[in-house]
Amino acid sequence: MPTHTETRVLPYTAQQMYDLVADVESYPKFLPWNTAARIRSRTPGPDGSEVIEADLVISFKVFRERFGSRVTLFPDQKRIDTRYLDGPFTHLHSEWTFKDRPQGGCEVCFFVDFEFRNAILRRVIGVVFGEAMHRIVRAFEDRARALYGADRAAASHRA
């Protein structure tokens, strides 16, 4: 069962990065292998959270799979937790946390743990898993740069 943990320091605010990752509908615009996103439902959760149930379509080589997930947004904690609902996995859990740094910018922590049901997919992903996870994190960084730019990130730290 592949797991991946990555921490990055970025020149954006925790709020900017949280908003970017929380925007599930926009994933097909910039995430590799994500070809579609549809929100099933969006409901307020307890303790100020918001729960989104979403379908994402992933395409990799000849494989195309849809999966459902429950994304819980914790805006006060700047944390996003994703759990598997249905689709090609045996399990899926991911978590993002965002913390502003006193010297500017923020620390972004990403964790994912999943496993495909299909043995062929497991083998294919096993070979490229580390690089695939780095590409996904880089895609979020690139999206932040496109949305916020370095100048706007620095300005928001001074505000």
N, C-alpha and C. Protein backbone atom coordinates (compact mmCIF):
# COMPACT_ATOMS: atom_id res chain seq x y z
N MET A 1 0.84 -1.18 0.00
CA MET A 1 0.00 0.00 0.00
C MET A 1 0.88 1.24 0.00
N PRO A 2 0.89 1.96 -1.12
CA PRO A 2 1.75 3.14 -1.23
C PRO A 2 1.31 4.27 -0.29
N THR A 3 2.28 4.87 0.34
CA THR A 3 2.03 6.10 1.10
C THR A 3 3.09 7.11 0.68
N HIS A 4 2.72 8.36 0.83
CA HIS A 4 3.65 9.43 0.47
C HIS A 4 3.40 10.59 1.40
N THR A 5 4.47 11.17 1.93
CA THR A 5 4.39 12.37 2.75
C THR A 5 5.38 13.37 2.21
N GLU A 6 4.93 14.61 2.08
CA GLU A 6 5.79 15.65 1.55
C GLU A 6 5.47 16.96 2.24
N THR A 7 6.51 17.70 2.59
CA THR A 7 6.36 19.03 3.19
C THR A 7 7.12 20.03 2.35
N ARG A 8 6.46 21.13 2.03
CA ARG A 8 7.08 22.18 1.24
C ARG A 8 6.86 23.52 1.91
N VAL A 9 7.82 24.42 1.76
CA VAL A 9 7.67 25.81 2.19
C VAL A 9 7.46 26.63 0.92
N LEU A 10 6.34 27.35 0.87
CA LEU A 10 5.98 28.11 -0.32
C LEU A 10 5.78 29.58 0.02
N PRO A 11 5.94 30.47 -0.96
CA PRO A 11 5.86 31.91 -0.70
C PRO A 11 4.43 32.46 -0.72
N TYR A 12 3.46 31.63 -0.36
CA TYR A 12 2.06 32.04 -0.35
C TYR A 12 1.52 31.90 1.07
N THR A 13 0.37 32.49 1.32
CA THR A 13 -0.22 32.35 2.65
C THR A 13 -0.88 30.98 2.78
N ALA A 14 -1.05 30.55 4.01
CA ALA A 14 -1.76 29.30 4.27
C ALA A 14 -3.17 29.37 3.69
N GLN A 15 -3.81 30.53 3.80
CA GLN A 15 -5.17 30.69 3.26
C GLN A 15 -5.19 30.52 1.75
N GLN A 16 -4.21 31.10 1.06
CA GLN A 16 -4.16 30.96 -0.40
C GLN A 16 -4.02 29.49 -0.79
N MET A 17 -3.13 28.78 -0.15
CA MET A 17 -2.91 27.38 -0.50
C MET A 17 -4.11 26.51 -0.11
N TYR A 18 -4.69 26.80 1.04
CA TYR A 18 -5.90 26.08 1.46
C TYR A 18 -7.00 26.27 0.42
N ASP A 19 -7.24 27.51 -0.01
CA ASP A 19 -8.29 27.79 -0.99
C ASP A 19 -8.03 27.05 -2.30
N LEU A 20 -6.78 27.01 -2.72
CA LEU A 20 -6.42 26.34 -3.97
C LEU A 20 -6.74 24.85 -3.90
N VAL A 21 -6.33 24.19 -2.81
CA VAL A 21 -6.55 22.74 -2.68
C VAL A 21 -8.03 22.44 -2.44
N ALA A 22 -8.74 23.34 -1.78
CA ALA A 22 -10.17 23.13 -1.51
C ALA A 22 -11.03 23.26 -2.76
N ASP A 23 -10.49 23.84 -3.82
CA ASP A 23 -11.23 24.06 -5.06
C ASP A 23 -11.21 22.81 -5.93
N VAL A 24 -11.88 21.77 -5.47
CA VAL A 24 -11.86 20.46 -6.12
C VAL A 24 -12.34 20.55 -7.57
N GLU A 25 -13.33 21.39 -7.84
CA GLU A 25 -13.88 21.50 -9.20
C GLU A 25 -12.82 21.91 -10.22
N SER A 26 -11.79 22.61 -9.78
CA SER A 26 -10.75 23.09 -10.71
C SER A 26 -9.63 22.09 -10.97
N TYR A 27 -9.61 20.97 -10.28
CA TYR A 27 -8.52 20.01 -10.44
C TYR A 27 -8.24 19.62 -11.89
N PRO A 28 -9.27 19.36 -12.72
CA PRO A 28 -8.95 18.97 -14.11
C PRO A 28 -8.20 20.03 -14.90
N LYS A 29 -8.23 21.28 -14.46
CA LYS A 29 -7.52 22.35 -15.17
C LYS A 29 -6.01 22.25 -15.01
N PHE A 30 -5.55 21.58 -13.93
CA PHE A 30 -4.10 21.62 -13.69
C PHE A 30 -3.49 20.34 -13.14
N LEU A 31 -4.27 19.42 -12.63
CA LEU A 31 -3.69 18.21 -12.05
C LEU A 31 -3.43 17.15 -13.11
N PRO A 32 -2.23 16.58 -13.12
CA PRO A 32 -1.96 15.50 -14.08
C PRO A 32 -2.88 14.31 -13.81
N TRP A 33 -3.32 13.68 -14.87
CA TRP A 33 -4.15 12.48 -14.85
C TRP A 33 -5.58 12.72 -14.38
N ASN A 34 -5.94 13.92 -13.98
CA ASN A 34 -7.31 14.20 -13.55
C ASN A 34 -8.05 14.84 -14.71
N THR A 35 -9.01 14.10 -15.28
CA THR A 35 -9.69 14.58 -16.49
C THR A 35 -11.08 15.13 -16.23
N ALA A 36 -11.66 14.89 -15.05
CA ALA A 36 -13.00 15.41 -14.75
C ALA A 36 -13.20 15.44 -13.24
N ALA A 37 -14.05 16.39 -12.82
CA ALA A 37 -14.43 16.50 -11.41
C ALA A 37 -15.89 16.93 -11.35
N ARG A 38 -16.66 16.26 -10.51
CA ARG A 38 -18.06 16.60 -10.34
C ARG A 38 -18.39 16.57 -8.85
N ILE A 39 -19.02 17.61 -8.37
CA ILE A 39 -19.42 17.67 -6.96
C ILE A 39 -20.78 16.99 -6.82
N ARG A 40 -20.86 15.95 -6.00
CA ARG A 40 -22.13 15.28 -5.73
C ARG A 40 -22.95 16.08 -4.74
N SER A 41 -22.30 16.54 -3.68
CA SER A 41 -23.00 17.29 -2.63
C SER A 41 -22.00 18.14 -1.86
N ARG A 42 -22.55 19.15 -1.21
CA ARG A 42 -21.74 20.06 -0.39
C ARG A 42 -22.62 20.39 0.82
N THR A 43 -22.17 19.99 2.02
CA THR A 43 -22.99 20.21 3.21
C THR A 43 -22.14 20.73 4.36
N PRO A 44 -22.75 21.56 5.22
CA PRO A 44 -22.02 22.00 6.40
C PRO A 44 -21.80 20.81 7.34
N GLY A 45 -20.62 20.74 7.90
CA GLY A 45 -20.33 19.68 8.86
C GLY A 45 -20.36 20.25 10.26
N PRO A 46 -20.17 19.40 11.22
CA PRO A 46 -20.10 19.90 12.59
C PRO A 46 -18.84 20.75 12.77
N ASP A 47 -18.78 21.51 13.76
CA ASP A 47 -17.59 22.30 14.13
C ASP A 47 -17.06 23.23 13.04
N GLY A 48 -17.96 23.76 12.21
CA GLY A 48 -17.53 24.72 11.19
C GLY A 48 -16.90 24.12 9.96
N SER A 49 -16.88 22.82 9.85
CA SER A 49 -16.30 22.19 8.67
C SER A 49 -17.32 22.19 7.52
N GLU A 50 -16.85 21.83 6.34
CA GLU A 50 -17.71 21.64 5.18
C GLU A 50 -17.35 20.30 4.57
N VAL A 51 -18.38 19.53 4.20
CA VAL A 51 -18.15 18.20 3.64
C VAL A 51 -18.60 18.21 2.18
N ILE A 52 -17.66 17.86 1.31
CA ILE A 52 -17.92 17.77 -0.12
C ILE A 52 -17.79 16.31 -0.53
N GLU A 53 -18.81 15.81 -1.23
CA GLU A 53 -18.68 14.49 -1.85
C GLU A 53 -18.49 14.75 -3.34
N ALA A 54 -17.42 14.19 -3.88
CA ALA A 54 -17.04 14.49 -5.26
C ALA A 54 -16.64 13.23 -6.01
N ASP A 55 -16.86 13.26 -7.32
CA ASP A 55 -16.36 12.23 -8.22
C ASP A 55 -15.22 12.83 -9.02
N LEU A 56 -14.11 12.12 -9.08
CA LEU A 56 -12.98 12.52 -9.92
C LEU A 56 -12.73 11.40 -10.92
N VAL A 57 -12.33 11.77 -12.12
CA VAL A 57 -11.96 10.79 -13.13
C VAL A 57 -10.46 10.92 -13.34
N ILE A 58 -9.76 9.79 -13.20
CA ILE A 58 -8.33 9.76 -13.43
C ILE A 58 -8.04 8.90 -14.66
N SER A 59 -7.13 9.37 -15.49
CA SER A 59 -6.72 8.63 -16.69
C SER A 59 -5.22 8.50 -16.67
N PHE A 60 -4.77 7.27 -16.83
CA PHE A 60 -3.33 7.00 -16.85
C PHE A 60 -3.08 5.91 -17.89
N LYS A 61 -2.38 6.28 -18.94
CA LYS A 61 -2.11 5.37 -20.06
C LYS A 61 -3.45 4.84 -20.58
N VAL A 62 -3.67 3.52 -20.55
CA VAL A 62 -4.93 2.96 -21.07
C VAL A 62 -6.02 2.88 -20.00
N PHE A 63 -5.71 3.26 -18.78
CA PHE A 63 -6.67 3.16 -17.69
C PHE A 63 -7.45 4.46 -17.52
N ARG A 64 -8.73 4.35 -17.29
CA ARG A 64 -9.59 5.49 -16.99
C ARG A 64 -10.55 5.03 -15.91
N GLU A 65 -10.47 5.66 -14.77
CA GLU A 65 -11.27 5.25 -13.61
C GLU A 65 -11.93 6.45 -12.94
N ARG A 66 -13.15 6.24 -12.47
CA ARG A 66 -13.85 7.24 -11.68
C ARG A 66 -13.83 6.79 -10.24
N PHE A 67 -13.63 7.73 -9.33
CA PHE A 67 -13.74 7.38 -7.92
C PHE A 67 -14.44 8.49 -7.16
N GLY A 68 -15.12 8.09 -6.12
CA GLY A 68 -15.81 9.05 -5.26
C GLY A 68 -15.03 9.24 -3.97
N SER A 69 -15.07 10.47 -3.48
CA SER A 69 -14.38 10.74 -2.22
C SER A 69 -15.18 11.75 -1.40
N ARG A 70 -14.95 11.71 -0.11
CA ARG A 70 -15.53 12.67 0.82
C ARG A 70 -14.41 13.58 1.28
N VAL A 71 -14.52 14.84 0.92
CA VAL A 71 -13.50 15.84 1.23
C VAL A 71 -14.05 16.70 2.37
N THR A 72 -13.37 16.68 3.50
CA THR A 72 -13.81 17.50 4.63
C THR A 72 -12.86 18.67 4.77
N LEU A 73 -13.44 19.86 4.66
CA LEU A 73 -12.68 21.10 4.75
C LEU A 73 -12.79 21.64 6.17
N PHE A 74 -11.66 21.92 6.77
CA PHE A 74 -11.59 22.51 8.11
C PHE A 74 -10.95 23.90 7.97
N PRO A 75 -11.75 24.93 7.63
CA PRO A 75 -11.16 26.24 7.34
C PRO A 75 -10.43 26.87 8.52
N ASP A 76 -10.93 26.68 9.73
CA ASP A 76 -10.26 27.28 10.89
C ASP A 76 -8.89 26.67 11.16
N GLN A 77 -8.76 25.38 10.86
CA GLN A 77 -7.50 24.67 11.09
C GLN A 77 -6.61 24.66 9.84
N LYS A 78 -7.15 25.14 8.73
CA LYS A 78 -6.43 25.09 7.44
C LYS A 78 -5.99 23.65 7.16
N ARG A 79 -6.98 22.75 7.21
CA ARG A 79 -6.73 21.32 7.00
C ARG A 79 -7.80 20.76 6.08
N ILE A 80 -7.39 19.85 5.20
CA ILE A 80 -8.31 19.19 4.27
C ILE A 80 -8.06 17.70 4.36
N ASP A 81 -9.13 16.96 4.65
CA ASP A 81 -9.04 15.52 4.83
C ASP A 81 -9.90 14.84 3.78
N THR A 82 -9.35 13.88 3.05
CA THR A 82 -10.09 13.17 2.01
C THR A 82 -10.15 11.69 2.32
N ARG A 83 -11.37 11.13 2.21
CA ARG A 83 -11.60 9.71 2.44
C ARG A 83 -12.30 9.11 1.22
N TYR A 84 -12.02 7.87 0.99
CA TYR A 84 -12.55 7.12 -0.15
C TYR A 84 -14.01 6.75 0.05
N LEU A 85 -14.82 6.91 -1.01
CA LEU A 85 -16.21 6.45 -0.99
C LEU A 85 -16.41 5.23 -1.88
N ASP A 86 -16.03 5.35 -3.16
CA ASP A 86 -16.24 4.23 -4.08
C ASP A 86 -15.34 4.39 -5.30
N GLY A 87 -15.15 3.27 -6.00
CA GLY A 87 -14.32 3.30 -7.20
C GLY A 87 -13.27 2.21 -7.20
N PRO A 88 -12.11 2.48 -7.84
CA PRO A 88 -11.12 1.43 -8.12
C PRO A 88 -10.12 1.14 -6.98
N PHE A 89 -10.28 1.78 -5.84
CA PHE A 89 -9.33 1.59 -4.74
C PHE A 89 -9.86 0.61 -3.71
N THR A 90 -8.94 0.04 -2.95
CA THR A 90 -9.37 -0.68 -1.75
C THR A 90 -9.50 0.32 -0.61
N HIS A 91 -8.65 1.36 -0.65
CA HIS A 91 -8.74 2.45 0.32
C HIS A 91 -8.00 3.66 -0.23
N LEU A 92 -8.36 4.83 0.30
CA LEU A 92 -7.71 6.08 -0.06
C LEU A 92 -7.91 7.05 1.09
N HIS A 93 -6.84 7.64 1.53
CA HIS A 93 -6.90 8.69 2.54
C HIS A 93 -5.80 9.69 2.22
N SER A 94 -6.18 10.97 2.21
CA SER A 94 -5.15 11.99 2.05
C SER A 94 -5.45 13.14 3.00
N GLU A 95 -4.41 13.88 3.31
CA GLU A 95 -4.57 15.03 4.20
C GLU A 95 -3.60 16.12 3.78
N TRP A 96 -4.11 17.35 3.77
CA TRP A 96 -3.32 18.54 3.53
C TRP A 96 -3.42 19.40 4.78
N THR A 97 -2.30 19.98 5.20
CA THR A 97 -2.31 20.98 6.26
C THR A 97 -1.48 22.17 5.79
N PHE A 98 -1.89 23.35 6.24
CA PHE A 98 -1.26 24.60 5.80
C PHE A 98 -1.03 25.46 7.02
N LYS A 99 0.22 25.92 7.20
CA LYS A 99 0.56 26.76 8.36
C LYS A 99 1.38 27.95 7.89
N ASP A 100 0.91 29.16 8.28
CA ASP A 100 1.70 30.36 8.00
C ASP A 100 2.99 30.31 8.81
N ARG A 101 4.05 30.85 8.23
CA ARG A 101 5.35 30.93 8.90
C ARG A 101 5.58 32.37 9.33
N PRO A 102 6.17 32.59 10.51
CA PRO A 102 6.41 33.96 11.00
C PRO A 102 7.26 34.79 10.03
N GLN A 103 8.20 34.15 9.33
CA GLN A 103 9.08 34.87 8.41
C GLN A 103 8.46 35.02 7.01
N GLY A 104 7.21 34.61 6.86
CA GLY A 104 6.52 34.73 5.57
C GLY A 104 6.36 33.39 4.90
N GLY A 105 5.42 33.33 4.00
CA GLY A 105 5.14 32.08 3.30
C GLY A 105 4.41 31.11 4.22
N CYS A 106 4.28 29.91 3.76
CA CYS A 106 3.60 28.90 4.57
C CYS A 106 4.25 27.54 4.36
N GLU A 107 3.96 26.67 5.31
CA GLU A 107 4.39 25.28 5.23
C GLU A 107 3.18 24.46 4.80
N VAL A 108 3.36 23.67 3.75
CA VAL A 108 2.31 22.81 3.23
C VAL A 108 2.74 21.37 3.46
N CYS A 109 1.90 20.62 4.14
CA CYS A 109 2.18 19.19 4.37
C CYS A 109 1.11 18.38 3.65
N PHE A 110 1.55 17.38 2.91
CA PHE A 110 0.66 16.51 2.15
C PHE A 110 0.96 15.07 2.51
N PHE A 111 -0.10 14.30 2.75
CA PHE A 111 0.02 12.88 3.04
C PHE A 111 -1.03 12.15 2.21
N VAL A 112 -0.65 11.02 1.61
CA VAL A 112 -1.62 10.19 0.91
C VAL A 112 -1.28 8.72 1.14
N ASP A 113 -2.32 7.93 1.28
CA ASP A 113 -2.22 6.47 1.45
C ASP A 113 -3.35 5.87 0.63
N PHE A 114 -3.00 5.03 -0.33
CA PHE A 114 -4.05 4.40 -1.15
C PHE A 114 -3.55 3.10 -1.74
N GLU A 115 -4.51 2.33 -2.24
CA GLU A 115 -4.15 1.11 -2.96
C GLU A 115 -5.26 0.81 -3.97
N PHE A 116 -4.85 0.50 -5.21
CA PHE A 116 -5.81 0.11 -6.24
C PHE A 116 -6.24 -1.34 -6.01
N ARG A 117 -7.49 -1.64 -6.32
CA ARG A 117 -7.97 -3.03 -6.29
C ARG A 117 -7.30 -3.86 -7.38
N ASN A 118 -7.18 -3.28 -8.58
CA ASN A 118 -6.66 -3.96 -9.75
C ASN A 118 -5.15 -4.19 -9.61
N ALA A 119 -4.74 -5.43 -9.71
CA ALA A 119 -3.33 -5.79 -9.54
C ALA A 119 -2.44 -5.16 -10.62
N ILE A 120 -2.95 -5.04 -11.84
CA ILE A 120 -2.17 -4.43 -12.91
C ILE A 120 -1.92 -2.96 -12.59
N LEU A 121 -2.97 -2.24 -12.18
CA LEU A 121 -2.81 -0.84 -11.79
C LEU A 121 -1.84 -0.70 -10.62
N ARG A 122 -1.94 -1.61 -9.65
CA ARG A 122 -1.01 -1.56 -8.51
C ARG A 122 0.43 -1.66 -8.98
N ARG A 123 0.70 -2.57 -9.92
CA ARG A 123 2.07 -2.73 -10.42
C ARG A 123 2.52 -1.50 -11.21
N VAL A 124 1.64 -0.99 -12.07
CA VAL A 124 2.00 0.18 -12.88
C VAL A 124 2.29 1.37 -11.98
N ILE A 125 1.41 1.64 -11.03
CA ILE A 125 1.59 2.78 -10.12
C ILE A 125 2.80 2.55 -9.23
N GLY A 126 3.03 1.31 -8.81
CA GLY A 126 4.17 1.03 -7.95
C GLY A 126 5.48 1.46 -8.56
N VAL A 127 5.60 1.34 -9.87
CA VAL A 127 6.83 1.70 -10.57
C VAL A 127 7.04 3.21 -10.59
N VAL A 128 5.96 3.97 -10.73
CA VAL A 128 6.08 5.42 -10.91
C VAL A 128 5.52 6.22 -9.73
N PHE A 129 5.18 5.55 -8.64
CA PHE A 129 4.45 6.19 -7.55
C PHE A 129 5.14 7.44 -7.01
N GLY A 130 6.40 7.34 -6.64
CA GLY A 130 7.10 8.48 -6.05
C GLY A 130 7.11 9.68 -6.98
N GLU A 131 7.46 9.45 -8.24
CA GLU A 131 7.49 10.55 -9.21
C GLU A 131 6.09 11.10 -9.44
N ALA A 132 5.08 10.24 -9.47
CA ALA A 132 3.70 10.70 -9.67
C ALA A 132 3.27 11.62 -8.54
N MET A 133 3.59 11.28 -7.31
CA MET A 133 3.20 12.11 -6.16
C MET A 133 3.94 13.45 -6.18
N HIS A 134 5.22 13.44 -6.57
CA HIS A 134 5.96 14.70 -6.70
C HIS A 134 5.34 15.58 -7.79
N ARG A 135 4.91 14.97 -8.89
CA ARG A 135 4.28 15.74 -9.97
C ARG A 135 2.98 16.37 -9.51
N ILE A 136 2.22 15.66 -8.70
CA ILE A 136 0.96 16.20 -8.20
C ILE A 136 1.22 17.41 -7.30
N VAL A 137 2.17 17.28 -6.38
CA VAL A 137 2.50 18.40 -5.50
C VAL A 137 3.01 19.58 -6.32
N ARG A 138 3.88 19.31 -7.31
CA ARG A 138 4.38 20.38 -8.18
C ARG A 138 3.24 21.05 -8.95
N ALA A 139 2.23 20.27 -9.33
CA ALA A 139 1.09 20.85 -10.06
C ALA A 139 0.34 21.86 -9.19
N PHE A 140 0.22 21.57 -7.89
CA PHE A 140 -0.40 22.53 -6.99
C PHE A 140 0.48 23.78 -6.84
N GLU A 141 1.78 23.58 -6.75
CA GLU A 141 2.71 24.73 -6.68
C GLU A 141 2.60 25.59 -7.94
N ASP A 142 2.59 24.94 -9.10
CA ASP A 142 2.49 25.68 -10.36
C ASP A 142 1.17 26.44 -10.44
N ARG A 143 0.10 25.82 -9.97
CA ARG A 143 -1.21 26.47 -9.97
C ARG A 143 -1.18 27.71 -9.05
N ALA A 144 -0.54 27.60 -7.89
CA ALA A 144 -0.43 28.73 -6.98
C ALA A 144 0.32 29.88 -7.65
N ARG A 145 1.39 29.55 -8.33
CA ARG A 145 2.18 30.58 -9.02
C ARG A 145 1.33 31.24 -10.11
N ALA A 146 0.53 30.45 -10.83
CA ALA A 146 -0.32 31.01 -11.89
C ALA A 146 -1.43 31.88 -11.30
N LEU A 147 -2.00 31.48 -10.18
CA LEU A 147 -3.10 32.23 -9.58
C LEU A 147 -2.63 33.45 -8.79
N TYR A 148 -1.57 33.26 -8.02
CA TYR A 148 -1.17 34.29 -7.06
C TYR A 148 0.10 35.03 -7.44
N GLY A 149 0.95 34.42 -8.25
CA GLY A 149 2.21 35.04 -8.64
C GLY A 149 3.08 35.35 -7.44
N ALA A 150 4.36 35.47 -7.63
CA ALA A 150 5.30 35.73 -6.53
C ALA A 150 5.07 37.10 -5.93
N ASP A 151 4.75 38.12 -6.75
CA ASP A 151 4.55 39.47 -6.23
C ASP A 151 3.35 39.54 -5.31
N ARG A 152 2.23 38.92 -5.73
CA ARG A 152 1.03 38.96 -4.90
C ARG A 152 1.22 38.17 -3.62
N ALA A 153 1.98 37.06 -3.68
CA ALA A 153 2.24 36.28 -2.46
C ALA A 153 3.02 37.12 -1.47
N ALA A 154 4.06 37.80 -1.94
CA ALA A 154 4.87 38.63 -1.04
C ALA A 154 4.03 39.76 -0.46
N ALA A 155 3.18 40.37 -1.29
CA ALA A 155 2.34 41.48 -0.81
C ALA A 155 1.37 41.02 0.25
N SER A 156 0.82 39.81 0.10
CA SER A 156 -0.16 39.33 1.08
C SER A 156 0.50 39.05 2.41
N HIS A 157 1.81 38.76 2.42
CA HIS A 157 2.52 38.53 3.69
C HIS A 157 2.70 39.84 4.44
N ARG A 158 2.85 40.93 3.69
CA ARG A 158 3.06 42.23 4.34
C ARG A 158 1.75 42.82 4.85
N ALA A 159 0.63 42.39 4.26
CA ALA A 159 -0.67 42.99 4.63
C ALA A 159 -1.11 42.60 6.02
